[in-house]
C-alpha atoms as a PDB file:
ATOM      1  CA  MET A   1     -13.218   3.770  10.736  1.00  0.00           C
ATOM      2  CA  PHE A   2     -11.666   3.843   7.301  1.00  0.00           C
ATOM      3  CA  GLN A   3     -13.441   2.064   4.466  1.00  0.00           C
ATOM      4  CA  HIS A   4     -12.361   2.061   0.857  1.00  0.00           C
ATOM      5  CA  VAL A   5     -14.156   0.350  -2.005  1.00  0.00           C
ATOM      6  CA  VAL A   6     -12.083  -0.738  -4.983  1.00  0.00           C
ATOM      7  CA  LYS A   7     -14.054  -1.464  -8.125  1.00  0.00           C
ATOM      8  CA  GLY A   8     -12.549  -3.619 -10.828  1.00  0.00           C
ATOM      9  CA  GLU A   9     -13.756  -6.956 -12.086  1.00  0.00           C
ATOM     10  CA  ASN A  10     -15.090  -7.528  -8.576  1.00  0.00           C
ATOM     11  CA  THR A  11     -15.780  -5.008  -5.850  1.00  0.00           C
ATOM     12  CA  MET A  12     -13.430  -5.289  -2.868  1.00  0.00           C
ATOM     13  CA  ILE A  13     -14.248  -3.551   0.418  1.00  0.00           C
ATOM     14  CA  ILE A  14     -11.172  -2.602   2.420  1.00  0.00           C
ATOM     15  CA  LYS A  15     -11.468  -1.598   6.103  1.00  0.00           C
ATOM     16  CA  ASN A  16      -9.042  -0.868   8.896  1.00  0.00           C
ATOM     17  CA  THR A  17     -11.413  -2.244  11.551  1.00  0.00           C
ATOM     18  CA  SER A  18     -11.783  -5.817  12.764  1.00  0.00           C
ATOM     19  CA  ALA A  19     -15.577  -5.958  12.411  1.00  0.00           C
ATOM     20  CA  CYS A  20     -16.899  -8.183   9.641  1.00  0.00           C
ATOM     21  CA  LYS A  21     -20.073 -10.053   8.747  1.00  0.00           C
ATOM     22  CA  GLY A  22     -18.397 -12.870   6.859  1.00  0.00           C
ATOM     23  CA  LYS A  23     -15.989 -15.671   7.681  1.00  0.00           C
ATOM     24  CA  GLU A  24     -12.303 -14.853   8.014  1.00  0.00           C
ATOM     25  CA  ILE A  25     -10.312 -16.725   5.372  1.00  0.00           C
ATOM     26  CA  GLY A  26      -6.724 -15.759   6.206  1.00  0.00           C
ATOM     27  CA  LEU A  27      -3.899 -13.257   5.965  1.00  0.00           C
ATOM     28  CA  VAL A  28      -3.337 -11.477   2.666  1.00  0.00           C
ATOM     29  CA  THR A  29      -0.356  -9.320   1.767  1.00  0.00           C
ATOM     30  CA  GLY A  30       0.945  -7.133  -1.006  1.00  0.00           C
ATOM     31  CA  GLU A  31       4.454  -5.779  -1.448  1.00  0.00           C
ATOM     32  CA  PHE A  32       5.777  -3.047  -3.681  1.00  0.00           C
ATOM     33  CA  VAL A  33       9.377  -1.862  -4.092  1.00  0.00           C
ATOM     34  CA  ALA A  34       9.949   1.786  -4.973  1.00  0.00           C
ATOM     35  CA  SER A  35      13.272   3.336  -5.901  1.00  0.00           C
ATOM     36  CA  ARG A  36      14.486   6.867  -6.289  1.00  0.00           C
ATOM     37  CA  ILE A  37      15.850   8.291  -9.515  1.00  0.00           C
ATOM     38  CA  PHE A  38      19.269   9.902  -9.177  1.00  0.00           C
ATOM     39  CA  TYR A  39      18.531  13.242 -10.863  1.00  0.00           C
ATOM     40  CA  LYS A  40      15.311  13.681  -8.880  1.00  0.00           C
ATOM     41  CA  ASP A  41      17.248  12.776  -5.735  1.00  0.00           C
ATOM     42  CA  PHE A  42      19.761  15.551  -6.458  1.00  0.00           C
ATOM     43  CA  PHE A  43      17.051  18.183  -6.918  1.00  0.00           C
ATOM     44  CA  ASN A  44      15.258  16.946  -3.801  1.00  0.00           C
ATOM     45  CA  SER A  45      18.395  17.383  -1.733  1.00  0.00           C
ATOM     46  CA  VAL A  46      18.588  21.003  -2.943  1.00  0.00           C
ATOM     47  CA  ARG A  47      14.885  21.546  -2.130  1.00  0.00           C
ATOM     48  CA  ASN A  48      15.352  19.952   1.284  1.00  0.00           C
ATOM     49  CA  PHE A  49      18.310  22.245   2.027  1.00  0.00           C
ATOM     50  CA  PHE A  50      16.061  25.281   1.506  1.00  0.00           C
ATOM     51  CA  GLY A  51      13.158  23.753   3.458  1.00  0.00           C
ATOM     52  CA  PHE A  52      10.792  23.027   0.568  1.00  0.00           C
ATOM     53  CA  PRO A  53       8.522  19.958   0.653  1.00  0.00           C
ATOM     54  CA  LEU A  54       9.819  16.863  -1.137  1.00  0.00           C
ATOM     55  CA  LYS A  55       6.860  16.235  -3.424  1.00  0.00           C
ATOM     56  CA  SER A  56       8.479  13.562  -5.585  1.00  0.00           C
ATOM     57  CA  TYR A  57       9.182  11.402  -2.502  1.00  0.00           C
ATOM     58  CA  ALA A  58       5.586  11.812  -1.383  1.00  0.00           C
ATOM     59  CA  HIS A  59       4.392  10.773  -4.859  1.00  0.00           C
ATOM     60  CA  MET A  60       6.808   7.824  -4.884  1.00  0.00           C
ATOM     61  CA  LEU A  61       5.491   6.556  -1.536  1.00  0.00           C
ATOM     62  CA  SER A  62       1.890   7.122  -2.572  1.00  0.00           C
ATOM     63  CA  ASP A  63       2.448   5.108  -5.757  1.00  0.00           C
ATOM     64  CA  ALA A  64       4.167   2.373  -3.732  1.00  0.00           C
ATOM     65  CA  LYS A  65       1.238   2.258  -1.278  1.00  0.00           C
ATOM     66  CA  ASP A  66      -1.216   1.940  -4.182  1.00  0.00           C
ATOM     67  CA  GLY A  67       0.915  -0.815  -5.721  1.00  0.00           C
ATOM     68  CA  ALA A  68       1.048  -2.769  -2.454  1.00  0.00           C
ATOM     69  CA  LEU A  69      -2.715  -2.354  -2.051  1.00  0.00           C
ATOM     70  CA  LYS A  70      -3.347  -3.716  -5.566  1.00  0.00           C
ATOM     71  CA  GLU A  71      -1.117  -6.723  -4.863  1.00  0.00           C
ATOM     72  CA  MET A  72      -2.956  -7.402  -1.593  1.00  0.00           C
ATOM     73  CA  ILE A  73      -6.299  -7.252  -3.417  1.00  0.00           C
ATOM     74  CA  LYS A  74      -5.037  -9.795  -5.992  1.00  0.00           C
ATOM     75  CA  ASP A  75      -4.016 -12.064  -3.114  1.00  0.00           C
ATOM     76  CA  ALA A  76      -7.477 -11.721  -1.524  1.00  0.00           C
ATOM     77  CA  GLU A  77      -9.284 -12.321  -4.821  1.00  0.00           C
ATOM     78  CA  GLY A  78      -7.275 -15.513  -5.212  1.00  0.00           C
ATOM     79  CA  LEU A  79      -8.808 -16.717  -1.934  1.00  0.00           C
ATOM     80  CA  GLY A  80     -12.330 -15.744  -3.019  1.00  0.00           C
ATOM     81  CA  ALA A  81     -12.587 -12.869  -0.534  1.00  0.00           C
ATOM     82  CA  LYS A  82     -15.256 -10.173  -0.726  1.00  0.00           C
ATOM     83  CA  GLU A  83     -13.548  -7.765   1.671  1.00  0.00           C
ATOM     84  CA  ILE A  84     -10.320  -7.175   3.563  1.00  0.00           C
ATOM     85  CA  ILE A  85     -10.333  -6.067   7.208  1.00  0.00           C
ATOM     86  CA  ASN A  86      -7.594  -5.002   9.646  1.00  0.00           C
ATOM     87  CA  VAL A  87      -5.614  -3.385   6.833  1.00  0.00           C
ATOM     88  CA  ARG A  88      -2.167  -2.128   7.823  1.00  0.00           C
ATOM     89  CA  PHE A  89       0.745  -0.592   5.937  1.00  0.00           C
ATOM     90  CA  ALA A  90       4.444  -0.770   6.778  1.00  0.00           C
ATOM     91  CA  ILE A  91       7.439   0.769   5.039  1.00  0.00           C
ATOM     92  CA  THR A  92      11.103  -0.056   5.299  1.00  0.00           C
ATOM     93  CA  THR A  93      14.221   0.872   3.371  1.00  0.00           C
ATOM     94  CA  LEU A  94      16.194  -1.722   1.443  1.00  0.00           C
ATOM     95  CA  THR A  95      19.066   0.504   0.378  1.00  0.00           C
ATOM     96  CA  ASN A  96      19.710   4.234   0.260  1.00  0.00           C
ATOM     97  CA  ASP A  97      17.833   4.294  -3.033  1.00  0.00           C
ATOM     98  CA  SER A  98      14.851   2.013  -2.451  1.00  0.00           C
ATOM     99  CA  ALA A  99      12.044   1.217  -0.049  1.00  0.00           C
ATOM    100  CA  VAL A 100       9.442  -1.509   0.348  1.00  0.00           C
ATOM    101  CA  VAL A 101       5.817  -0.867   1.216  1.00  0.00           C
ATOM    102  CA  LEU A 102       3.918  -3.823   2.702  1.00  0.00           C
ATOM    103  CA  ALA A 103       0.129  -3.945   2.903  1.00  0.00           C
ATOM    104  CA  SER A 104      -1.452  -6.666   5.018  1.00  0.00           C
ATOM    105  CA  GLY A 105      -4.942  -7.554   6.133  1.00  0.00           C
ATOM    106  CA  THR A 106      -7.402 -10.331   6.827  1.00  0.00           C
ATOM    107  CA  ALA A 107      -9.408 -11.685   3.894  1.00  0.00           C
ATOM    108  CA  VAL A 108     -13.136 -12.185   4.592  1.00  0.00           C
ATOM    109  CA  ASN A 109     -15.667 -14.123   2.553  1.00  0.00           C
END
């Protein structure tokens, strides 16, 4: 089981399990679009050619995941939720230079 507690104005508990003590309110989502920067893309292609890890892509996706998570939390707070269960992430490409990260879960009161 994964559980993450986000503290801001309110504390939001985020879990990837379906167990909850409260009442399910509904689906909540958060989306974040990330795009590559040309000069970083050029240097990454050189690094990839020599077999080095592509750290800037990993950072870009991590930032996009965090952004999608924050948007999902805002959605849940708007419903008055205290926690989010069944959290899932999906990623897809829009163009050669951009990707979308989607976070979804079930808001619980």
